[in-house]
Amino acid sequence: MLKGAVVGVGYLGKFHAEKYHNSKQVDLVALVDPNPENASKLANKFGAIYTQDYKMLPSLGVQCASISSITSTHYEIAAWLLENGIDVLVEKPITTTIEDAEKLVALAKKNNRILQVGHLERFNPAFRAMKDVMSSPRYFEVRRIAPFSGRSFDVDVISDVMIHDLDIVAHLTGQELLKVEAVGTPVITNSYDVVSARITFTGGAVANITASRTALVPERTIRIFQPDLYISLDFGKRKLKIYRLSEEKQNFGLFPNVDVQEIPVREEDALQAEIDSFVNCVAERKEPEATGQDGVRALKFANAVRAAIAEHNEKFGFLPHA
């Protein structure tokens, strides 16, 4: 059985630790965090060693690790682990800069290590079911809004929330950016808390994406339109509906009839699926579902959205946020 660890066991890291503990493919041997108060209790709960120093992991026989510390530490920790024989699942965003992200990809390749990025929605069973029926997307309407959680002060809503959907639309289209228009504003923090972006891809597909961490009621939905059908997916409720034109007509043959099909979505823990997939890639030495290069691409998209917001603000004389 493989030996695993989690570096950073705050809000998200504690869930990573739980999934490693539940996995039948890996033994959770260590938790790493600078704060011993909660991390040591969690380590005792799962029968793992607690340490403040991730550089101890090789001596503990660790072969793979999740990095769920704050984004600004991702590069330093991931680079060291990759260079010291440990495969890495790093939470999104992969790093704070594209340069560092590309360095991690290169380090993983040089050291023959697995580098997976935590784009969790790839493992949502509703998303997987949707991919099976989608063929030629032309237009996306995406909304990901939620109440403010009190975490992720170190990043804006683009890196905190929108990056999930930037990864999804990039993955589904397989196309590069052509044009980005965007607006955004701080509301609760000093960073962008609400952002709306319109992305045009080189193949002609267009995505309208709204992300907010100031909403009262959460919503995680995507609608995809293509010539022969319309797909509606609710990530949170895991409901998938397909709308197709029927050969039958209604109102005396004057109007087309639309058939609505609800696709059953199995119950599955997306984070457990992500962890198990990562561990399986480590065991079999195969490319992960969400690669380091995917993380680089999502980060480039995120930076393009920020640049578009800055351009909009400058054009209309809005003061830049602090």
Protein backbone atom coordinates (compact mmCIF):
# COMPACT_ATOMS: atom_id res chain seq x y z
CA MET A 1 0.00 0.00 0.00
CA LEU A 2 1.21 3.49 -0.84
CA LYS A 3 2.08 5.97 1.90
CA GLY A 4 0.49 9.42 1.66
CA ALA A 5 0.49 12.77 3.42
CA VAL A 6 -1.39 16.06 3.44
CA VAL A 7 0.42 19.39 3.65
CA GLY A 8 -1.86 22.09 5.00
CA VAL A 9 -4.83 20.83 6.99
CA GLY A 10 -7.01 23.90 7.29
CA TYR A 11 -10.53 24.16 5.88
CA LEU A 12 -9.88 22.08 2.75
CA GLY A 13 -6.91 20.05 3.91
CA LYS A 14 -8.88 18.35 6.66
CA PHE A 15 -11.17 16.90 3.99
CA HIS A 16 -8.15 15.69 2.01
CA ALA A 17 -6.91 13.97 5.18
CA GLU A 18 -10.27 12.29 5.67
CA LYS A 19 -10.33 10.98 2.09
CA TYR A 20 -6.78 9.62 2.33
CA HIS A 21 -7.76 7.91 5.56
CA ASN A 22 -10.83 6.38 3.88
CA SER A 23 -8.97 5.25 0.77
CA LYS A 24 -8.17 1.56 0.36
CA GLN A 25 -5.17 2.36 -1.85
CA VAL A 26 -3.09 4.52 0.46
CA ASP A 27 -2.05 4.73 4.09
CA LEU A 28 -2.18 8.27 5.53
CA VAL A 29 1.06 8.47 7.49
CA ALA A 30 1.60 12.21 8.05
CA LEU A 31 -0.09 15.61 8.31
CA VAL A 32 1.92 18.80 7.92
CA ASP A 33 0.76 22.20 9.17
CA PRO A 34 2.34 25.16 10.99
CA ASN A 35 -0.55 25.24 13.49
CA PRO A 36 -0.31 22.30 15.90
CA GLU A 37 -3.58 22.97 17.73
CA ASN A 38 -5.98 21.47 15.18
CA ALA A 39 -3.52 19.53 13.03
CA SER A 40 -2.17 17.38 15.86
CA LYS A 41 -5.72 16.45 16.93
CA LEU A 42 -6.54 15.48 13.36
CA ALA A 43 -3.36 13.41 13.13
CA ASN A 44 -4.28 11.54 16.30
CA LYS A 45 -7.78 10.93 14.94
CA PHE A 46 -6.42 9.33 11.78
CA GLY A 47 -3.45 7.58 13.35
CA ALA A 48 -0.94 9.74 11.46
CA ILE A 49 2.23 11.57 12.46
CA TYR A 50 1.99 15.34 12.89
CA THR A 51 4.87 17.57 11.84
CA GLN A 52 5.43 21.22 10.98
CA ASP A 53 8.17 20.36 8.48
CA TYR A 54 7.21 18.92 5.08
CA LYS A 55 10.88 18.10 4.50
CA MET A 56 10.45 15.20 6.93
CA LEU A 57 8.12 13.39 4.54
CA PRO A 58 10.76 11.41 2.58
CA SER A 59 12.18 10.02 5.83
CA LEU A 60 8.68 8.79 6.71
CA GLY A 61 8.47 6.87 3.45
CA VAL A 62 5.80 9.14 1.96
CA GLN A 63 5.29 8.52 -1.77
CA CYS A 64 2.44 10.93 -2.55
CA ALA A 65 1.00 14.04 -0.97
CA SER A 66 -1.77 16.61 -1.29
CA ILE A 67 -0.82 20.26 -0.93
CA SER A 68 -3.76 22.26 0.40
CA SER A 69 -1.87 25.09 2.07
CA ILE A 70 -2.38 28.73 1.05
CA THR A 71 -1.72 29.41 -2.63
CA SER A 72 1.39 31.49 -2.06
CA THR A 73 3.16 28.41 -0.58
CA HIS A 74 2.20 25.95 -3.34
CA TYR A 75 5.28 26.43 -5.49
CA GLU A 76 7.89 26.14 -2.75
CA ILE A 77 6.36 23.02 -1.22
CA ALA A 78 5.44 21.27 -4.48
CA ALA A 79 8.85 21.95 -6.03
CA TRP A 80 10.68 20.49 -3.05
CA LEU A 81 8.48 17.39 -2.91
CA LEU A 82 8.77 16.75 -6.65
CA GLU A 83 12.55 17.05 -6.46
CA ASN A 84 12.63 14.64 -3.54
CA GLY A 85 10.70 11.75 -5.06
CA ILE A 86 7.15 12.51 -3.93
CA ASP A 87 4.18 12.69 -6.32
CA VAL A 88 1.97 15.73 -5.78
CA LEU A 89 -1.70 16.67 -5.90
CA VAL A 90 -1.74 20.46 -5.51
CA GLU A 91 -4.96 22.33 -4.87
CA LYS A 92 -6.13 24.94 -7.35
CA PRO A 93 -4.85 27.40 -8.34
CA ILE A 94 -1.63 25.52 -9.02
CA THR A 95 0.57 28.53 -8.05
CA THR A 96 0.33 32.30 -7.90
CA THR A 97 2.27 32.89 -11.14
CA ILE A 98 2.39 31.26 -14.55
CA GLU A 99 6.19 31.16 -14.38
CA ASP A 100 6.10 29.09 -11.19
CA ALA A 101 3.36 26.84 -12.58
CA GLU A 102 5.41 26.09 -15.69
CA LYS A 103 8.45 25.39 -13.49
CA LEU A 104 6.44 22.80 -11.56
CA VAL A 105 5.38 21.10 -14.79
CA ALA A 106 9.01 20.98 -15.88
CA LEU A 107 10.15 19.66 -12.48
CA ALA A 108 7.56 16.89 -12.55
CA LYS A 109 8.71 15.84 -16.01
CA LYS A 110 12.40 16.03 -15.12
CA ASN A 111 11.95 13.93 -11.97
CA ASN A 112 9.40 11.53 -13.50
CA ARG A 113 6.80 12.55 -10.91
CA ILE A 114 3.00 12.75 -11.06
CA LEU A 115 1.66 16.31 -10.81
CA GLN A 116 -2.12 16.60 -10.51
CA VAL A 117 -4.07 19.82 -9.93
CA GLY A 118 -7.18 19.89 -7.74
CA HIS A 119 -9.78 20.88 -10.31
CA LEU A 120 -12.44 19.04 -8.36
CA GLU A 121 -15.39 19.47 -10.73
CA ARG A 122 -13.67 17.12 -13.21
CA PHE A 123 -14.65 14.37 -10.74
CA ASN A 124 -18.22 15.50 -10.16
CA PRO A 125 -20.37 12.57 -11.40
CA ALA A 126 -22.85 15.02 -12.96
CA PHE A 127 -20.04 16.61 -15.00
CA ARG A 128 -18.84 13.21 -16.16
CA ALA A 129 -22.35 12.28 -17.27
CA MET A 130 -22.67 15.58 -19.14
CA LYS A 131 -19.44 14.97 -21.09
CA ASP A 132 -20.95 11.77 -22.49
CA VAL A 133 -23.73 13.66 -24.31
CA MET A 134 -21.91 16.84 -25.32
CA SER A 135 -20.22 16.98 -28.73
CA SER A 136 -19.89 20.47 -30.22
CA PRO A 137 -20.49 23.23 -27.65
CA ARG A 138 -21.10 26.69 -29.09
CA TYR A 139 -22.18 28.71 -26.06
CA PHE A 140 -21.83 28.38 -22.27
CA GLU A 141 -23.73 30.13 -19.47
CA VAL A 142 -22.00 29.47 -16.16
CA ARG A 143 -22.87 30.70 -12.67
CA ARG A 144 -20.92 29.89 -9.52
CA ILE A 145 -22.04 32.04 -6.63
CA ALA A 146 -21.92 31.45 -2.89
CA PRO A 147 -22.03 33.21 0.47
CA PHE A 148 -18.71 34.49 1.80
CA SER A 149 -17.03 31.62 3.64
CA GLY A 150 -14.45 33.60 5.58
CA ARG A 151 -11.56 31.68 4.00
CA SER A 152 -9.30 32.25 0.98
CA PHE A 153 -8.40 35.82 1.89
CA ASP A 154 -5.13 35.36 0.02
CA VAL A 155 -6.83 35.11 -3.41
CA ASP A 156 -9.62 36.87 -5.29
CA VAL A 157 -12.86 35.24 -6.43
CA ILE A 158 -11.23 34.38 -9.77
CA SER A 159 -8.68 32.07 -8.15
CA ASP A 160 -11.01 31.01 -5.37
CA VAL A 161 -14.18 30.22 -7.33
CA MET A 162 -14.15 31.09 -11.03
CA ILE A 163 -11.07 29.02 -11.80
CA HIS A 164 -13.21 25.86 -11.55
CA ASP A 165 -15.29 27.01 -14.49
CA LEU A 166 -12.35 28.42 -16.43
CA ASP A 167 -10.86 24.93 -16.29
CA ILE A 168 -14.17 23.32 -17.29
CA VAL A 169 -14.85 25.45 -20.38
CA ALA A 170 -11.22 25.23 -21.49
CA HIS A 171 -11.32 21.45 -21.07
CA LEU A 172 -14.63 21.07 -22.91
CA THR A 173 -13.73 23.30 -25.87
CA GLY A 174 -10.09 22.32 -26.18
CA GLN A 175 -9.51 25.78 -27.66
CA GLU A 176 -7.29 28.74 -26.89
CA LEU A 177 -8.42 32.20 -25.85
CA LEU A 178 -9.25 34.71 -28.56
CA LYS A 179 -10.84 37.54 -26.60
CA VAL A 180 -11.79 38.25 -22.98
CA GLU A 181 -14.11 40.97 -21.67
CA ALA A 182 -14.69 41.22 -17.93
CA VAL A 183 -15.88 43.36 -15.05
CA GLY A 184 -15.24 42.86 -11.36
CA THR A 185 -15.33 44.63 -8.03
CA PRO A 186 -14.40 44.19 -4.39
CA VAL A 187 -17.37 44.00 -2.02
CA ILE A 188 -16.27 42.27 1.18
CA THR A 189 -12.48 42.00 0.81
CA ASN A 190 -9.83 44.11 -0.88
CA SER A 191 -9.80 41.73 -3.85
CA TYR A 192 -12.39 41.07 -6.54
CA ASP A 193 -15.37 39.37 -4.88
CA VAL A 194 -17.74 39.51 -7.86
CA VAL A 195 -16.60 38.95 -11.47
CA SER A 196 -18.40 38.48 -14.76
CA ALA A 197 -16.42 37.45 -17.83
CA ARG A 198 -17.22 36.83 -21.49
CA ILE A 199 -14.66 34.58 -23.15
CA THR A 200 -14.42 33.97 -26.89
CA PHE A 201 -12.38 30.96 -28.03
CA THR A 202 -10.37 30.54 -31.20
CA GLY A 203 -12.88 28.03 -32.56
CA GLY A 204 -15.80 30.43 -32.07
CA ALA A 205 -17.27 29.07 -28.82
CA VAL A 206 -18.30 31.71 -26.28
CA ALA A 207 -18.60 31.40 -22.48
CA ASN A 208 -20.30 33.83 -20.13
CA ILE A 209 -19.06 33.09 -16.60
CA THR A 210 -20.22 34.76 -13.39
CA ALA A 211 -18.51 34.14 -10.06
CA SER A 212 -19.39 35.65 -6.70
CA ARG A 213 -18.62 35.02 -3.07
CA THR A 214 -21.16 37.56 -1.81
CA ALA A 215 -24.42 35.76 -2.59
CA LEU A 216 -27.04 34.75 -0.03
CA VAL A 217 -28.01 31.54 -1.81
CA PRO A 218 -25.39 29.31 -3.49
CA GLU A 219 -25.66 28.31 -7.14
CA ARG A 220 -23.34 26.17 -9.25
CA THR A 221 -24.85 25.73 -12.69
CA ILE A 222 -23.76 25.45 -16.29
CA ARG A 223 -25.85 25.50 -19.46
CA ILE A 224 -24.33 24.42 -22.74
CA PHE A 225 -25.87 25.06 -26.14
CA GLN A 226 -24.98 23.28 -29.35
CA PRO A 227 -26.85 22.93 -32.67
CA ASP A 228 -28.76 19.77 -31.78
CA LEU A 229 -29.37 20.09 -28.06
CA TYR A 230 -29.18 22.14 -24.88
CA ILE A 231 -27.65 20.79 -21.66
CA SER A 232 -28.48 22.04 -18.17
CA LEU A 233 -26.36 20.90 -15.24
CA ASP A 234 -26.65 21.80 -11.55
CA PHE A 235 -23.36 20.80 -9.93
CA GLY A 236 -24.66 21.20 -6.38
CA LYS A 237 -27.91 19.27 -6.83
CA ARG A 238 -26.28 16.91 -9.33
CA LYS A 239 -29.16 17.25 -11.75
CA LEU A 240 -28.55 16.88 -15.46
CA LYS A 241 -31.19 17.59 -18.11
CA ILE A 242 -30.94 17.31 -21.87
CA TYR A 243 -33.28 19.28 -24.15
CA ARG A 244 -33.64 18.05 -27.75
CA LEU A 245 -35.85 19.03 -30.64
CA SER A 246 -38.44 16.39 -31.36
CA GLU A 247 -39.57 15.32 -34.81
CA GLU A 248 -43.11 15.83 -33.60
CA LYS A 249 -44.75 19.25 -33.86
CA GLN A 250 -47.17 20.97 -31.52
CA ASN A 251 -49.96 23.50 -32.03
CA PHE A 252 -51.11 21.99 -35.32
CA GLY A 253 -47.56 21.51 -36.52
CA LEU A 254 -46.64 25.18 -36.23
CA PHE A 255 -44.04 24.90 -33.46
CA PRO A 256 -41.32 22.38 -32.72
CA ASN A 257 -41.70 20.14 -29.71
CA VAL A 258 -38.85 19.79 -27.22
CA ASP A 259 -38.09 16.48 -25.52
CA VAL A 260 -36.66 16.80 -22.01
CA GLN A 261 -34.57 13.96 -20.66
CA GLU A 262 -33.26 13.87 -17.11
CA ILE A 263 -30.08 11.82 -16.89
CA PRO A 264 -29.66 9.84 -13.66
CA VAL A 265 -26.51 10.85 -11.82
CA ARG A 266 -25.03 8.39 -9.37
CA GLU A 267 -24.14 9.47 -5.87
CA GLU A 268 -20.38 9.81 -5.55
CA ASP A 269 -17.99 11.77 -3.37
CA ALA A 270 -16.09 13.94 -5.85
CA LEU A 271 -13.14 14.61 -3.53
CA GLN A 272 -12.81 10.92 -2.69
CA ALA A 273 -12.89 10.17 -6.42
CA GLU A 274 -10.20 12.80 -7.01
CA ILE A 275 -7.93 11.41 -4.28
CA ASP A 276 -8.46 7.81 -5.42
CA SER A 277 -7.73 8.77 -9.03
CA PHE A 278 -4.52 10.52 -7.98
CA VAL A 279 -3.35 7.57 -5.91
CA ASN A 280 -4.16 5.22 -8.78
CA CYS A 281 -2.08 7.38 -11.15
CA VAL A 282 0.78 7.21 -8.65
CA ALA A 283 0.53 3.43 -8.43
CA GLU A 284 0.27 2.90 -12.19
CA ARG A 285 2.54 5.81 -13.23
CA LYS A 286 -0.03 7.28 -15.62
CA GLU A 287 -1.11 10.81 -16.51
CA PRO A 288 -3.73 12.29 -14.15
CA GLU A 289 -7.16 13.58 -15.14
CA ALA A 290 -6.23 17.19 -14.35
CA THR A 291 -2.57 17.63 -15.29
CA GLY A 292 -0.08 20.29 -14.31
CA GLN A 293 -0.44 21.73 -17.80
CA ASP A 294 -4.19 22.00 -17.21
CA GLY A 295 -3.38 24.01 -14.09
CA VAL A 296 -1.13 26.31 -16.13
CA ARG A 297 -3.89 26.85 -18.69
CA ALA A 298 -6.49 27.68 -16.01
CA LEU A 299 -4.06 30.15 -14.45
CA LYS A 300 -3.50 31.82 -17.83
CA PHE A 301 -7.25 32.15 -18.28
CA ALA A 302 -7.56 33.64 -14.77
CA ASN A 303 -4.84 36.19 -15.52
CA ALA A 304 -6.55 37.09 -18.79
CA VAL A 305 -9.77 37.81 -16.89
CA ARG A 306 -7.91 40.06 -14.43
CA ALA A 307 -6.24 41.90 -17.30
CA ALA A 308 -9.64 42.44 -18.95
CA ILE A 309 -11.06 43.85 -15.70
CA ALA A 310 -8.10 46.22 -15.38
CA GLU A 311 -8.58 47.35 -18.98
CA HIS A 312 -12.28 47.98 -18.36
CA ASN A 313 -11.58 49.94 -15.17
CA GLU A 314 -8.95 52.08 -16.88
CA LYS A 315 -11.22 52.79 -19.83
CA PHE A 316 -14.05 54.05 -17.63
CA GLY A 317 -11.93 55.71 -14.97
CA PHE A 318 -12.72 53.30 -12.14
CA LEU A 319 -10.21 53.33 -9.32
CA PRO A 320 -8.19 50.11 -9.03
CA HIS A 321 -8.92 48.00 -5.98
CA ALA A 322 -6.45 47.97 -3.08
